Amino acid sequence: MRAWVMDSYDGVEKMQMRDVPDPQPGPGQVLLRVKFAALNPADAFLARAMYPANPPLPHILGRDGVGEVVAAGSGVTNVRVGDVAGILRCEVGVSSWGTLAEKTVAPAPSVAPVPAGWKLEEMACGPLALLTAYQALTQWSDPPAPPPPGSVVLVTGASGGVGIATIYLAKSMNLTVAGLSRSGEKGAKLKQLGADFIFDPSSPEVRSEVGKALAPKKVDLVVDNVGGPFFNQLIAMLGYGGRISVVGRSAGPVPEFNTASLFFKRNRIGGVAVSDFTPEAAQAVWKDIVARLDVMHRRPVIDHVFPFAEVKQAFARLGQGPMGKIVIRVGD
């Protein structure tokens, strides 16, 4: 089969497309002929050894995808050969070979049928972003649950895959959503998708603008996809008991972080890790997510679909900050 192979940790720019042996499913696994794959920022981080996983080389990236089941190992009962299924959260593309290949092996408990009315491209790019957003919104209670209705959620990097997923799910939970985007065009689209407010993080008055627009409310929860120097501004915008769910760090490390800034408003910061979902939990959450999106008549937003030969160009587009998800057409 053809695959985009990573032979070093020198970045996605060094990947090469070449023929490799077809993978074979073991017990409890299925072999998918990949139709569409989707890119995630974590893929690019892994390719530069900036991710907790360091799989042996050669490696194939790609955590998201959808394809036809062409073989199944012993003990598989939830899908059959000929079914079309998408991959939920698992080790595909992390510790095992991923979806930037014509075929990939996935654990059978971690695949799910394409929801009714969804395009294959949407299933290919939806699960990881939506599961991440769901955890970011619900992780602050035990058991996990949405914030109280009317709570204010501030989303950084709002036009990315997780940003849009957060807007969808937050609105389904009856939350007020404020998004941050430097692009006026993207901001207008985000309002069409459900955001109540959009602010430009590059504005020198952004804190006061957020405060005036939300008054008398404060920010209850930040879903931060960006990190970097602006993180300290996010802390300053939180109300009493406010929390930050940390999803990404595309803007780099947080400089001169002052832990005392958390003291007097009892603010909390917590990382988001979809690896915490068991296969059973991921399946249950995924069903809830699909039901919520169906009620809202929403689907994942796709920025662009690239042909399989243009995976490097697709990663370049991902680095530019797309409006939604980047998808790769792998098979016919």
C-alpha atoms as a PDB file:
ATOM      1  CA  MET A   1       0.000   0.000   0.000  1.00  0.00           C
ATOM      2  CA  ARG A   2       0.991   3.629  -0.390  1.00  0.00           C
ATOM      3  CA  ALA A   3       1.592   5.631   2.756  1.00  0.00           C
ATOM      4  CA  TRP A   4       3.191   8.857   3.962  1.00  0.00           C
ATOM      5  CA  VAL A   5       6.088   7.560   6.034  1.00  0.00           C
ATOM      6  CA  MET A   6       7.891   9.390   8.824  1.00  0.00           C
ATOM      7  CA  ASP A   7      11.536   8.218   9.026  1.00  0.00           C
ATOM      8  CA  SER A   8      12.750  10.862  11.477  1.00  0.00           C
ATOM      9  CA  TYR A   9      11.511  13.380  14.013  1.00  0.00           C
ATOM     10  CA  ASP A  10      12.459  16.282  11.762  1.00  0.00           C
ATOM     11  CA  GLY A  11       8.904  17.385  10.983  1.00  0.00           C
ATOM     12  CA  VAL A  12       6.160  16.582   8.504  1.00  0.00           C
ATOM     13  CA  GLU A  13       8.202  18.272   5.778  1.00  0.00           C
ATOM     14  CA  LYS A  14      10.520  15.241   5.786  1.00  0.00           C
ATOM     15  CA  MET A  15       7.800  12.619   5.274  1.00  0.00           C
ATOM     16  CA  GLN A  16       7.945  10.577   2.102  1.00  0.00           C
ATOM     17  CA  MET A  17       5.188   8.743   0.226  1.00  0.00           C
ATOM     18  CA  ARG A  18       6.202   5.187  -0.620  1.00  0.00           C
ATOM     19  CA  ASP A  19       4.998   1.608  -0.696  1.00  0.00           C
ATOM     20  CA  VAL A  20       4.942  -0.316   2.588  1.00  0.00           C
ATOM     21  CA  PRO A  21       3.484  -3.718   3.504  1.00  0.00           C
ATOM     22  CA  ASP A  22      -0.221  -3.854   4.252  1.00  0.00           C
ATOM     23  CA  PRO A  23      -0.941  -4.045   7.994  1.00  0.00           C
ATOM     24  CA  GLN A  24      -2.818  -7.089   9.247  1.00  0.00           C
ATOM     25  CA  PRO A  25      -5.555  -7.048  11.907  1.00  0.00           C
ATOM     26  CA  GLY A  26      -4.989  -9.010  15.090  1.00  0.00           C
ATOM     27  CA  PRO A  27      -7.609 -10.230  17.566  1.00  0.00           C
ATOM     28  CA  GLY A  28     -10.182  -7.521  18.263  1.00  0.00           C
ATOM     29  CA  GLN A  29      -8.942  -5.348  15.391  1.00  0.00           C
ATOM     30  CA  VAL A  30     -10.252  -4.331  11.973  1.00  0.00           C
ATOM     31  CA  LEU A  31      -8.441  -3.421   8.774  1.00  0.00           C
ATOM     32  CA  LEU A  32      -9.823  -0.306   7.089  1.00  0.00           C
ATOM     33  CA  ARG A  33      -9.306   0.721   3.478  1.00  0.00           C
ATOM     34  CA  VAL A  34      -9.045   4.445   4.183  1.00  0.00           C
ATOM     35  CA  LYS A  35     -11.295   6.747   2.177  1.00  0.00           C
ATOM     36  CA  PHE A  36     -10.629  10.038   3.985  1.00  0.00           C
ATOM     37  CA  ALA A  37      -8.198  11.082   6.695  1.00  0.00           C
ATOM     38  CA  ALA A  38      -7.972  14.361   8.613  1.00  0.00           C
ATOM     39  CA  LEU A  39      -5.072  16.310  10.074  1.00  0.00           C
ATOM     40  CA  ASN A  40      -4.658  17.517  13.644  1.00  0.00           C
ATOM     41  CA  PRO A  41      -2.060  19.870  15.152  1.00  0.00           C
ATOM     42  CA  ALA A  42      -0.939  16.970  17.358  1.00  0.00           C
ATOM     43  CA  ASP A  43       0.281  15.189  14.213  1.00  0.00           C
ATOM     44  CA  ALA A  44       2.722  17.981  13.440  1.00  0.00           C
ATOM     45  CA  PHE A  45       3.870  18.118  17.084  1.00  0.00           C
ATOM     46  CA  LEU A  46       4.487  14.362  17.136  1.00  0.00           C
ATOM     47  CA  ALA A  47       6.534  14.642  13.934  1.00  0.00           C
ATOM     48  CA  ARG A  48       8.915  16.983  15.795  1.00  0.00           C
ATOM     49  CA  ALA A  49       9.096  14.935  19.018  1.00  0.00           C
ATOM     50  CA  MET A  50       6.991  17.579  20.795  1.00  0.00           C
ATOM     51  CA  TYR A  51       4.302  15.109  21.853  1.00  0.00           C
ATOM     52  CA  PRO A  52       4.271  12.580  24.723  1.00  0.00           C
ATOM     53  CA  ALA A  53       4.228   9.629  22.292  1.00  0.00           C
ATOM     54  CA  ASN A  54       7.477   8.678  20.561  1.00  0.00           C
ATOM     55  CA  PRO A  55       6.585   5.688  18.385  1.00  0.00           C
ATOM     56  CA  PRO A  56       9.335   3.625  16.767  1.00  0.00           C
ATOM     57  CA  LEU A  57      10.290   4.624  13.253  1.00  0.00           C
ATOM     58  CA  PRO A  58       9.206   4.349  10.548  1.00  0.00           C
ATOM     59  CA  HIS A  59       5.834   5.716  11.579  1.00  0.00           C
ATOM     60  CA  ILE A  60       2.651   6.807   9.807  1.00  0.00           C
ATOM     61  CA  LEU A  61       0.729   9.770  11.179  1.00  0.00           C
ATOM     62  CA  GLY A  62      -3.033  10.311  11.107  1.00  0.00           C
ATOM     63  CA  ARG A  63      -5.409   9.983  14.069  1.00  0.00           C
ATOM     64  CA  ASP A  64      -8.680  10.690  12.253  1.00  0.00           C
ATOM     65  CA  GLY A  65     -10.172   8.773   9.355  1.00  0.00           C
ATOM     66  CA  VAL A  66     -13.010   6.820   7.811  1.00  0.00           C
ATOM     67  CA  GLY A  67     -12.887   3.748   5.626  1.00  0.00           C
ATOM     68  CA  GLU A  68     -14.311   0.409   4.559  1.00  0.00           C
ATOM     69  CA  VAL A  69     -13.762  -2.631   6.758  1.00  0.00           C
ATOM     70  CA  VAL A  70     -11.911  -5.107   4.526  1.00  0.00           C
ATOM     71  CA  ALA A  71     -10.833  -7.630   7.175  1.00  0.00           C
ATOM     72  CA  ALA A  72     -11.451  -8.349  10.844  1.00  0.00           C
ATOM     73  CA  GLY A  73      -9.540 -10.271  13.475  1.00  0.00           C
ATOM     74  CA  SER A  74     -10.998 -12.843  15.783  1.00  0.00           C
ATOM     75  CA  GLY A  75     -13.531 -11.713  18.349  1.00  0.00           C
ATOM     76  CA  VAL A  76     -14.846  -8.717  16.386  1.00  0.00           C
ATOM     77  CA  THR A  77     -18.631  -8.487  16.639  1.00  0.00           C
ATOM     78  CA  ASN A  78     -19.545  -4.793  16.344  1.00  0.00           C
ATOM     79  CA  VAL A  79     -18.648  -4.393  12.643  1.00  0.00           C
ATOM     80  CA  ARG A  80     -18.501  -6.633   9.589  1.00  0.00           C
ATOM     81  CA  VAL A  81     -16.471  -6.723   6.401  1.00  0.00           C
ATOM     82  CA  GLY A  82     -18.031  -4.230   3.987  1.00  0.00           C
ATOM     83  CA  ASP A  83     -19.138  -1.778   6.676  1.00  0.00           C
ATOM     84  CA  VAL A  84     -17.938   1.832   6.492  1.00  0.00           C
ATOM     85  CA  ALA A  85     -16.711   3.149   9.839  1.00  0.00           C
ATOM     86  CA  GLY A  86     -14.867   6.073  11.341  1.00  0.00           C
ATOM     87  CA  ILE A  87     -12.172   6.033  14.007  1.00  0.00           C
ATOM     88  CA  LEU A  88     -12.846   7.437  17.458  1.00  0.00           C
ATOM     89  CA  ARG A  89     -10.131   8.079  20.026  1.00  0.00           C
ATOM     90  CA  CYS A  90      -7.464   5.361  20.122  1.00  0.00           C
ATOM     91  CA  GLU A  91      -3.753   4.797  19.491  1.00  0.00           C
ATOM     92  CA  VAL A  92      -4.057   4.920  15.690  1.00  0.00           C
ATOM     93  CA  GLY A  93      -1.532   7.467  14.418  1.00  0.00           C
ATOM     94  CA  VAL A  94       0.029   7.751  17.874  1.00  0.00           C
ATOM     95  CA  SER A  95       1.692   4.492  18.939  1.00  0.00           C
ATOM     96  CA  SER A  96       0.454   2.516  15.915  1.00  0.00           C
ATOM     97  CA  TRP A  97       0.400   3.380  12.207  1.00  0.00           C
ATOM     98  CA  GLY A  98      -2.221   5.935  11.261  1.00  0.00           C
ATOM     99  CA  THR A  99      -4.597   7.000   8.529  1.00  0.00           C
ATOM    100  CA  LEU A 100      -2.199   8.750   6.136  1.00  0.00           C
ATOM    101  CA  ALA A 101      -2.065   5.431   4.319  1.00  0.00           C
ATOM    102  CA  GLU A 102      -4.281   3.448   1.994  1.00  0.00           C
ATOM    103  CA  LYS A 103      -5.008   0.988   4.830  1.00  0.00           C
ATOM    104  CA  THR A 104      -4.824   1.100   8.594  1.00  0.00           C
ATOM    105  CA  VAL A 105      -5.617  -1.189  11.520  1.00  0.00           C
ATOM    106  CA  ALA A 106      -7.828   0.048  14.363  1.00  0.00           C
ATOM    107  CA  PRO A 107      -9.256  -1.524  17.524  1.00  0.00           C
ATOM    108  CA  ALA A 108     -12.814  -2.645  16.771  1.00  0.00           C
ATOM    109  CA  PRO A 109     -14.200  -1.052  19.991  1.00  0.00           C
ATOM    110  CA  SER A 110     -12.861   2.302  18.747  1.00  0.00           C
ATOM    111  CA  VAL A 111     -14.664   2.476  15.403  1.00  0.00           C
ATOM    112  CA  ALA A 112     -18.184   3.754  14.862  1.00  0.00           C
ATOM    113  CA  PRO A 113     -20.630   3.886  11.943  1.00  0.00           C
ATOM    114  CA  VAL A 114     -21.049   7.077   9.944  1.00  0.00           C
ATOM    115  CA  PRO A 115     -24.010   8.943  11.501  1.00  0.00           C
ATOM    116  CA  ALA A 116     -27.124   9.219   9.369  1.00  0.00           C
ATOM    117  CA  GLY A 117     -26.938  12.245   7.071  1.00  0.00           C
ATOM    118  CA  TRP A 118     -23.198  12.765   7.537  1.00  0.00           C
ATOM    119  CA  LYS A 119     -20.775  12.833   4.620  1.00  0.00           C
ATOM    120  CA  LEU A 120     -17.742  10.574   4.817  1.00  0.00           C
ATOM    121  CA  GLU A 121     -15.504  13.640   4.922  1.00  0.00           C
ATOM    122  CA  GLU A 122     -17.365  14.910   7.992  1.00  0.00           C
ATOM    123  CA  MET A 123     -16.993  11.607   9.820  1.00  0.00           C
ATOM    124  CA  ALA A 124     -13.314  11.530   8.913  1.00  0.00           C
ATOM    125  CA  CYS A 125     -12.624  14.843  10.642  1.00  0.00           C
ATOM    126  CA  GLY A 126     -15.257  15.024  13.381  1.00  0.00           C
ATOM    127  CA  PRO A 127     -14.539  12.620  16.255  1.00  0.00           C
ATOM    128  CA  LEU A 128     -11.227  13.786  17.700  1.00  0.00           C
ATOM    129  CA  ALA A 129     -12.083  17.508  17.672  1.00  0.00           C
ATOM    130  CA  LEU A 130     -15.557  16.938  19.058  1.00  0.00           C
ATOM    131  CA  LEU A 131     -14.444  14.509  21.776  1.00  0.00           C
ATOM    132  CA  THR A 132     -11.723  16.991  22.767  1.00  0.00           C
ATOM    133  CA  ALA A 133     -14.196  19.861  22.961  1.00  0.00           C
ATOM    134  CA  TYR A 134     -16.648  17.754  24.961  1.00  0.00           C
ATOM    135  CA  GLN A 135     -13.987  16.911  27.542  1.00  0.00           C
ATOM    136  CA  ALA A 136     -12.844  20.536  27.715  1.00  0.00           C
ATOM    137  CA  LEU A 137     -16.393  21.632  28.555  1.00  0.00           C
ATOM    138  CA  THR A 138     -17.320  18.867  30.995  1.00  0.00           C
ATOM    139  CA  GLN A 139     -14.139  17.924  32.845  1.00  0.00           C
ATOM    140  CA  TRP A 140     -14.654  20.234  35.815  1.00  0.00           C
ATOM    141  CA  SER A 141     -17.193  18.092  37.663  1.00  0.00           C
ATOM    142  CA  ASP A 142     -17.256  14.483  38.822  1.00  0.00           C
ATOM    143  CA  PRO A 143     -18.870  12.762  37.043  1.00  0.00           C
ATOM    144  CA  PRO A 144     -18.208  14.982  34.001  1.00  0.00           C
ATOM    145  CA  ALA A 145     -21.095  17.328  33.246  1.00  0.00           C
ATOM    146  CA  PRO A 146     -21.717  20.589  31.362  1.00  0.00           C
ATOM    147  CA  PRO A 147     -21.345  23.915  33.189  1.00  0.00           C
ATOM    148  CA  PRO A 148     -24.588  25.427  34.525  1.00  0.00           C
ATOM    149  CA  PRO A 149     -26.812  26.907  31.778  1.00  0.00           C
ATOM    150  CA  GLY A 150     -25.964  30.524  31.067  1.00  0.00           C
ATOM    151  CA  SER A 151     -22.297  30.128  31.998  1.00  0.00           C
ATOM    152  CA  VAL A 152     -19.867  32.052  29.787  1.00  0.00           C
ATOM    153  CA  VAL A 153     -17.319  30.092  27.750  1.00  0.00           C
ATOM    154  CA  LEU A 154     -14.437  31.901  26.038  1.00  0.00           C
ATOM    155  CA  VAL A 155     -12.842  29.986  23.150  1.00  0.00           C
ATOM    156  CA  THR A 156      -9.395  30.858  21.788  1.00  0.00           C
ATOM    157  CA  GLY A 157      -8.472  29.769  18.270  1.00  0.00           C
ATOM    158  CA  ALA A 158     -12.196  29.645  17.694  1.00  0.00           C
ATOM    159  CA  SER A 159     -11.999  29.033  13.935  1.00  0.00           C
ATOM    160  CA  GLY A 160     -10.010  25.801  14.269  1.00  0.00           C
ATOM    161  CA  GLY A 161     -11.469  22.311  14.442  1.00  0.00           C
ATOM    162  CA  VAL A 162     -11.680  22.157  18.248  1.00  0.00           C
ATOM    163  CA  GLY A 163     -12.772  25.802  18.407  1.00  0.00           C
ATOM    164  CA  ILE A 164     -15.785  25.239  16.151  1.00  0.00           C
ATOM    165  CA  ALA A 165     -16.585  21.963  17.932  1.00  0.00           C
ATOM    166  CA  THR A 166     -16.552  23.847  21.245  1.00  0.00           C
ATOM    167  CA  ILE A 167     -18.951  26.475  19.913  1.00  0.00           C
ATOM    168  CA  TYR A 168     -21.365  23.791  18.726  1.00  0.00           C
ATOM    169  CA  LEU A 169     -21.331  21.801  21.947  1.00  0.00           C
ATOM    170  CA  ALA A 170     -21.386  24.839  24.234  1.00  0.00           C
ATOM    171  CA  LYS A 171     -24.501  26.156  22.483  1.00  0.00           C
ATOM    172  CA  SER A 172     -26.109  22.717  22.776  1.00  0.00           C
ATOM    173  CA  MET A 173     -25.510  23.024  26.543  1.00  0.00           C
ATOM    174  CA  ASN A 174     -27.205  26.454  26.685  1.00  0.00           C
ATOM    175  CA  LEU A 175     -23.975  28.323  27.381  1.00  0.00           C
ATOM    176  CA  THR A 176     -22.986  31.823  26.274  1.00  0.00           C
ATOM    177  CA  VAL A 177     -20.053  31.614  23.859  1.00  0.00           C
ATOM    178  CA  ALA A 178     -17.404  34.244  23.191  1.00  0.00           C
ATOM    179  CA  GLY A 179     -14.788  33.432  20.573  1.00  0.00           C
ATOM    180  CA  LEU A 180     -11.406  34.946  19.794  1.00  0.00           C
ATOM    181  CA  SER A 181     -10.318  35.363  16.177  1.00  0.00           C
ATOM    182  CA  ARG A 182      -7.998  37.824  14.467  1.00  0.00           C
ATOM    183  CA  SER A 183      -9.875  37.524  11.167  1.00  0.00           C
ATOM    184  CA  GLY A 184     -13.002  39.584  10.638  1.00  0.00           C
ATOM    185  CA  GLU A 185     -14.144  37.191   7.918  1.00  0.00           C
ATOM    186  CA  LYS A 186     -13.735  34.168  10.157  1.00  0.00           C
ATOM    187  CA  GLY A 187     -15.400  36.028  13.008  1.00  0.00           C
ATOM    188  CA  ALA A 188     -18.501  36.626  10.906  1.00  0.00           C
ATOM    189  CA  LYS A 189     -18.661  32.929  10.017  1.00  0.00           C
ATOM    190  CA  LEU A 190     -18.263  31.949  13.661  1.00  0.00           C
ATOM    191  CA  LYS A 191     -21.256  34.064  14.579  1.00  0.00           C
ATOM    192  CA  GLN A 192     -23.241  32.279  11.878  1.00  0.00           C
ATOM    193  CA  LEU A 193     -22.189  28.989  13.495  1.00  0.00           C
ATOM    194  CA  GLY A 194     -23.528  30.077  16.880  1.00  0.00           C
ATOM    195  CA  ALA A 195     -20.979  32.236  18.713  1.00  0.00           C
ATOM    196  CA  ASP A 196     -22.653  35.026  20.694  1.00  0.00           C
ATOM    197  CA  PHE A 197     -19.609  37.325  20.672  1.00  0.00           C
ATOM    198  CA  ILE A 198     -16.374  37.523  18.704  1.00  0.00           C
ATOM    199  CA  PHE A 199     -13.341  39.511  19.838  1.00  0.00           C
ATOM    200  CA  ASP A 200      -9.983  40.217  18.220  1.00  0.00           C
ATOM    201  CA  PRO A 201      -7.208  39.059  20.593  1.00  0.00           C
ATOM    202  CA  SER A 202      -4.754  41.450  18.934  1.00  0.00           C
ATOM    203  CA  SER A 203      -6.790  44.465  20.071  1.00  0.00           C
ATOM    204  CA  PRO A 204      -4.980  46.338  22.874  1.00  0.00           C
ATOM    205  CA  GLU A 205      -8.356  46.824  24.569  1.00  0.00           C
ATOM    206  CA  VAL A 206      -9.553  43.239  24.270  1.00  0.00           C
ATOM    207  CA  ARG A 207      -9.902  42.691  28.033  1.00  0.00           C
ATOM    208  CA  SER A 208     -12.107  45.720  28.508  1.00  0.00           C
ATOM    209  CA  GLU A 209     -14.065  44.870  25.350  1.00  0.00           C
ATOM    210  CA  VAL A 210     -14.807  41.392  26.671  1.00  0.00           C
ATOM    211  CA  GLY A 211     -15.715  42.759  30.086  1.00  0.00           C
ATOM    212  CA  LYS A 212     -18.123  45.375  28.735  1.00  0.00           C
ATOM    213  CA  ALA A 213     -19.833  42.955  26.347  1.00  0.00           C
ATOM    214  CA  LEU A 214     -20.370  40.300  29.018  1.00  0.00           C
ATOM    215  CA  ALA A 215     -21.262  42.573  31.948  1.00  0.00           C
ATOM    216  CA  PRO A 216     -22.510  41.847  34.528  1.00  0.00           C
ATOM    217  CA  LYS A 217     -21.290  38.295  33.828  1.00  0.00           C
ATOM    218  CA  LYS A 218     -17.662  37.186  33.850  1.00  0.00           C
ATOM    219  CA  VAL A 219     -15.882  34.416  31.979  1.00  0.00           C
ATOM    220  CA  ASP A 220     -16.592  31.113  33.723  1.00  0.00           C
ATOM    221  CA  LEU A 221     -14.576  28.794  31.486  1.00  0.00           C
ATOM    222  CA  VAL A 222     -11.872  29.276  28.868  1.00  0.00           C
ATOM    223  CA  VAL A 223     -11.188  26.576  26.291  1.00  0.00           C
ATOM    224  CA  ASP A 224      -7.669  27.508  25.206  1.00  0.00           C
ATOM    225  CA  ASN A 225      -6.343  26.095  21.954  1.00  0.00           C
ATOM    226  CA  VAL A 226      -3.453  28.549  21.633  1.00  0.00           C
ATOM    227  CA  GLY A 227      -1.336  29.081  24.770  1.00  0.00           C
ATOM    228  CA  GLY A 228       1.545  31.537  24.420  1.00  0.00           C
ATOM    229  CA  PRO A 229       1.785  35.085  25.813  1.00  0.00           C
ATOM    230  CA  PHE A 230      -1.987  35.671  25.671  1.00  0.00           C
ATOM    231  CA  PHE A 231      -2.577  33.017  28.345  1.00  0.00           C
ATOM    232  CA  ASN A 232      -1.987  35.525  31.144  1.00  0.00           C
ATOM    233  CA  GLN A 233      -4.691  37.749  29.645  1.00  0.00           C
ATOM    234  CA  LEU A 234      -7.103  34.829  29.794  1.00  0.00           C
ATOM    235  CA  ILE A 235      -6.475  34.394  33.505  1.00  0.00           C
ATOM    236  CA  ALA A 236      -7.175  38.081  34.043  1.00  0.00           C
ATOM    237  CA  MET A 237     -10.554  37.740  32.270  1.00  0.00           C
ATOM    238  CA  LEU A 238     -11.783  34.914  34.499  1.00  0.00           C
ATOM    239  CA  GLY A 239     -14.434  35.489  37.112  1.00  0.00           C
ATOM    240  CA  TYR A 240     -14.409  34.007  40.619  1.00  0.00           C
ATOM    241  CA  GLY A 241     -13.972  30.237  40.412  1.00  0.00           C
ATOM    242  CA  GLY A 242     -13.218  30.465  36.702  1.00  0.00           C
ATOM    243  CA  ARG A 243     -11.382  27.632  34.974  1.00  0.00           C
ATOM    244  CA  ILE A 244      -9.179  27.146  31.922  1.00  0.00           C
ATOM    245  CA  SER A 245      -9.235  23.896  29.938  1.00  0.00           C
ATOM    246  CA  VAL A 246      -5.910  23.707  28.119  1.00  0.00           C
ATOM    247  CA  VAL A 247      -6.212  21.998  24.728  1.00  0.00           C
ATOM    248  CA  GLY A 248      -3.340  23.312  22.586  1.00  0.00           C
ATOM    249  CA  ARG A 249      -0.191  25.405  22.536  1.00  0.00           C
ATOM    250  CA  SER A 250       0.181  26.578  18.953  1.00  0.00           C
ATOM    251  CA  ALA A 251       1.498  29.964  20.142  1.00  0.00           C
ATOM    252  CA  GLY A 252       4.231  28.364  22.235  1.00  0.00           C
ATOM    253  CA  PRO A 253       5.015  28.456  25.968  1.00  0.00           C
ATOM    254  CA  VAL A 254       3.463  30.860  28.448  1.00  0.00           C
ATOM    255  CA  PRO A 255       6.082  33.457  29.501  1.00  0.00           C
ATOM    256  CA  GLU A 256       6.495  34.670  33.084  1.00  0.00           C
ATOM    257  CA  PHE A 257       3.485  32.849  34.446  1.00  0.00           C
ATOM    258  CA  ASN A 258       2.648  34.189  37.917  1.00  0.00           C
ATOM    259  CA  THR A 259       0.920  31.540  40.032  1.00  0.00           C
ATOM    260  CA  ALA A 260      -0.307  34.277  42.370  1.00  0.00           C
ATOM    261  CA  SER A 261      -2.714  35.339  39.621  1.00  0.00           C
ATOM    262  CA  LEU A 262      -4.813  32.298  40.537  1.00  0.00           C
ATOM    263  CA  PHE A 263      -5.099  32.968  44.264  1.00  0.00           C
ATOM    264  CA  PHE A 264      -7.823  35.440  45.020  1.00  0.00           C
ATOM    265  CA  LYS A 265     -10.424  34.329  42.465  1.00  0.00           C
ATOM    266  CA  ARG A 266      -9.751  30.635  43.111  1.00  0.00           C
ATOM    267  CA  ASN A 267      -9.078  30.006  39.438  1.00  0.00           C
ATOM    268  CA  ARG A 268      -8.056  26.584  38.168  1.00  0.00           C
ATOM    269  CA  ILE A 269      -6.171  25.310  35.108  1.00  0.00           C
ATOM    270  CA  GLY A 270      -6.528  21.774  33.767  1.00  0.00           C
ATOM    271  CA  GLY A 271      -5.206  19.905  30.773  1.00  0.00           C
ATOM    272  CA  VAL A 272      -7.415  18.081  28.285  1.00  0.00           C
ATOM    273  CA  ALA A 273      -6.396  14.563  27.189  1.00  0.00           C
ATOM    274  CA  VAL A 274      -8.777  12.495  25.067  1.00  0.00           C
ATOM    275  CA  SER A 275      -6.543   9.512  25.824  1.00  0.00           C
ATOM    276  CA  ASP A 276      -8.420   9.362  29.134  1.00  0.00           C
ATOM    277  CA  PHE A 277     -11.540   8.160  27.311  1.00  0.00           C
ATOM    278  CA  THR A 278     -11.930   4.393  27.426  1.00  0.00           C
ATOM    279  CA  PRO A 279     -13.350   2.907  24.211  1.00  0.00           C
ATOM    280  CA  GLU A 280     -16.683   2.462  25.966  1.00  0.00           C
ATOM    281  CA  ALA A 281     -16.726   6.031  27.262  1.00  0.00           C
ATOM    282  CA  ALA A 282     -15.749   7.412  23.846  1.00  0.00           C
ATOM    283  CA  GLN A 283     -18.610   5.513  22.201  1.00  0.00           C
ATOM    284  CA  ALA A 284     -21.125   6.824  24.756  1.00  0.00           C
ATOM    285  CA  VAL A 285     -19.904  10.421  24.488  1.00  0.00           C
ATOM    286  CA  TRP A 286     -19.836  10.195  20.685  1.00  0.00           C
ATOM    287  CA  LYS A 287     -23.511   9.169  20.622  1.00  0.00           C
ATOM    288  CA  ASP A 288     -24.365  12.153  22.823  1.00  0.00           C
ATOM    289  CA  ILE A 289     -22.356  14.479  20.580  1.00  0.00           C
ATOM    290  CA  VAL A 290     -24.057  13.241  17.393  1.00  0.00           C
ATOM    291  CA  ALA A 291     -27.480  13.641  18.992  1.00  0.00           C
ATOM    292  CA  ARG A 292     -26.662  17.212  20.036  1.00  0.00           C
ATOM    293  CA  LEU A 293     -25.418  18.152  16.565  1.00  0.00           C
ATOM    294  CA  ASP A 294     -28.447  16.555  14.910  1.00  0.00           C
ATOM    295  CA  VAL A 295     -30.800  18.703  16.993  1.00  0.00           C
ATOM    296  CA  MET A 296     -28.843  21.809  15.952  1.00  0.00           C
ATOM    297  CA  HIS A 297     -28.490  20.710  12.300  1.00  0.00           C
ATOM    298  CA  ARG A 298     -24.727  21.170  12.577  1.00  0.00           C
ATOM    299  CA  ARG A 299     -21.847  19.237  11.021  1.00  0.00           C
ATOM    300  CA  PRO A 300     -18.054  19.574  11.166  1.00  0.00           C
ATOM    301  CA  VAL A 301     -16.745  22.460   9.069  1.00  0.00           C
ATOM    302  CA  ILE A 302     -14.191  21.503   6.423  1.00  0.00           C
ATOM    303  CA  ASP A 303     -11.719  24.122   5.249  1.00  0.00           C
ATOM    304  CA  HIS A 304     -10.324  22.136   2.330  1.00  0.00           C
ATOM    305  CA  VAL A 305     -10.028  18.574   1.009  1.00  0.00           C
ATOM    306  CA  PHE A 306      -6.558  17.793  -0.367  1.00  0.00           C
ATOM    307  CA  PRO A 307      -5.637  14.854  -2.602  1.00  0.00           C
ATOM    308  CA  PHE A 308      -3.448  12.142  -1.077  1.00  0.00           C
ATOM    309  CA  ALA A 309      -0.415  13.310  -3.033  1.00  0.00           C
ATOM    310  CA  GLU A 310      -0.596  16.763  -1.384  1.00  0.00           C
ATOM    311  CA  VAL A 311      -0.330  15.855   2.290  1.00  0.00           C
ATOM    312  CA  LYS A 312       2.599  18.242   2.809  1.00  0.00           C
ATOM    313  CA  GLN A 313       0.606  21.114   1.310  1.00  0.00           C
ATOM    314  CA  ALA A 314      -2.255  20.121   3.599  1.00  0.00           C
ATOM    315  CA  PHE A 315      -0.011  20.396   6.657  1.00  0.00           C
ATOM    316  CA  ALA A 316       1.140  23.814   5.420  1.00  0.00           C
ATOM    317  CA  ARG A 317      -2.487  24.919   5.273  1.00  0.00           C
ATOM    318  CA  LEU A 318      -3.033  23.560   8.779  1.00  0.00           C
ATOM    319  CA  GLY A 319      -0.157  25.730   9.984  1.00  0.00           C
ATOM    320  CA  GLN A 320      -1.752  28.820   8.440  1.00  0.00           C
ATOM    321  CA  GLY A 321      -4.858  28.521  10.629  1.00  0.00           C
ATOM    322  CA  PRO A 322      -7.749  27.112   8.584  1.00  0.00           C
ATOM    323  CA  MET A 323     -11.451  27.729   9.034  1.00  0.00           C
ATOM    324  CA  GLY A 324     -12.353  24.282  10.284  1.00  0.00           C
ATOM    325  CA  LYS A 325     -10.697  20.971   9.456  1.00  0.00           C
ATOM    326  CA  ILE A 326      -8.183  19.845   6.841  1.00  0.00           C
ATOM    327  CA  VAL A 327      -9.172  16.576   5.156  1.00  0.00           C
ATOM    328  CA  ILE A 328      -7.195  14.234   2.892  1.00  0.00           C
ATOM    329  CA  ARG A 329      -8.902  12.181   0.168  1.00  0.00           C
ATOM    330  CA  VAL A 330      -6.997   8.903   0.414  1.00  0.00           C
ATOM    331  CA  GLY A 331      -9.097   6.452  -1.641  1.00  0.00           C
ATOM    332  CA  ASP A 332     -11.858   6.597  -4.208  1.00  0.00           C
END
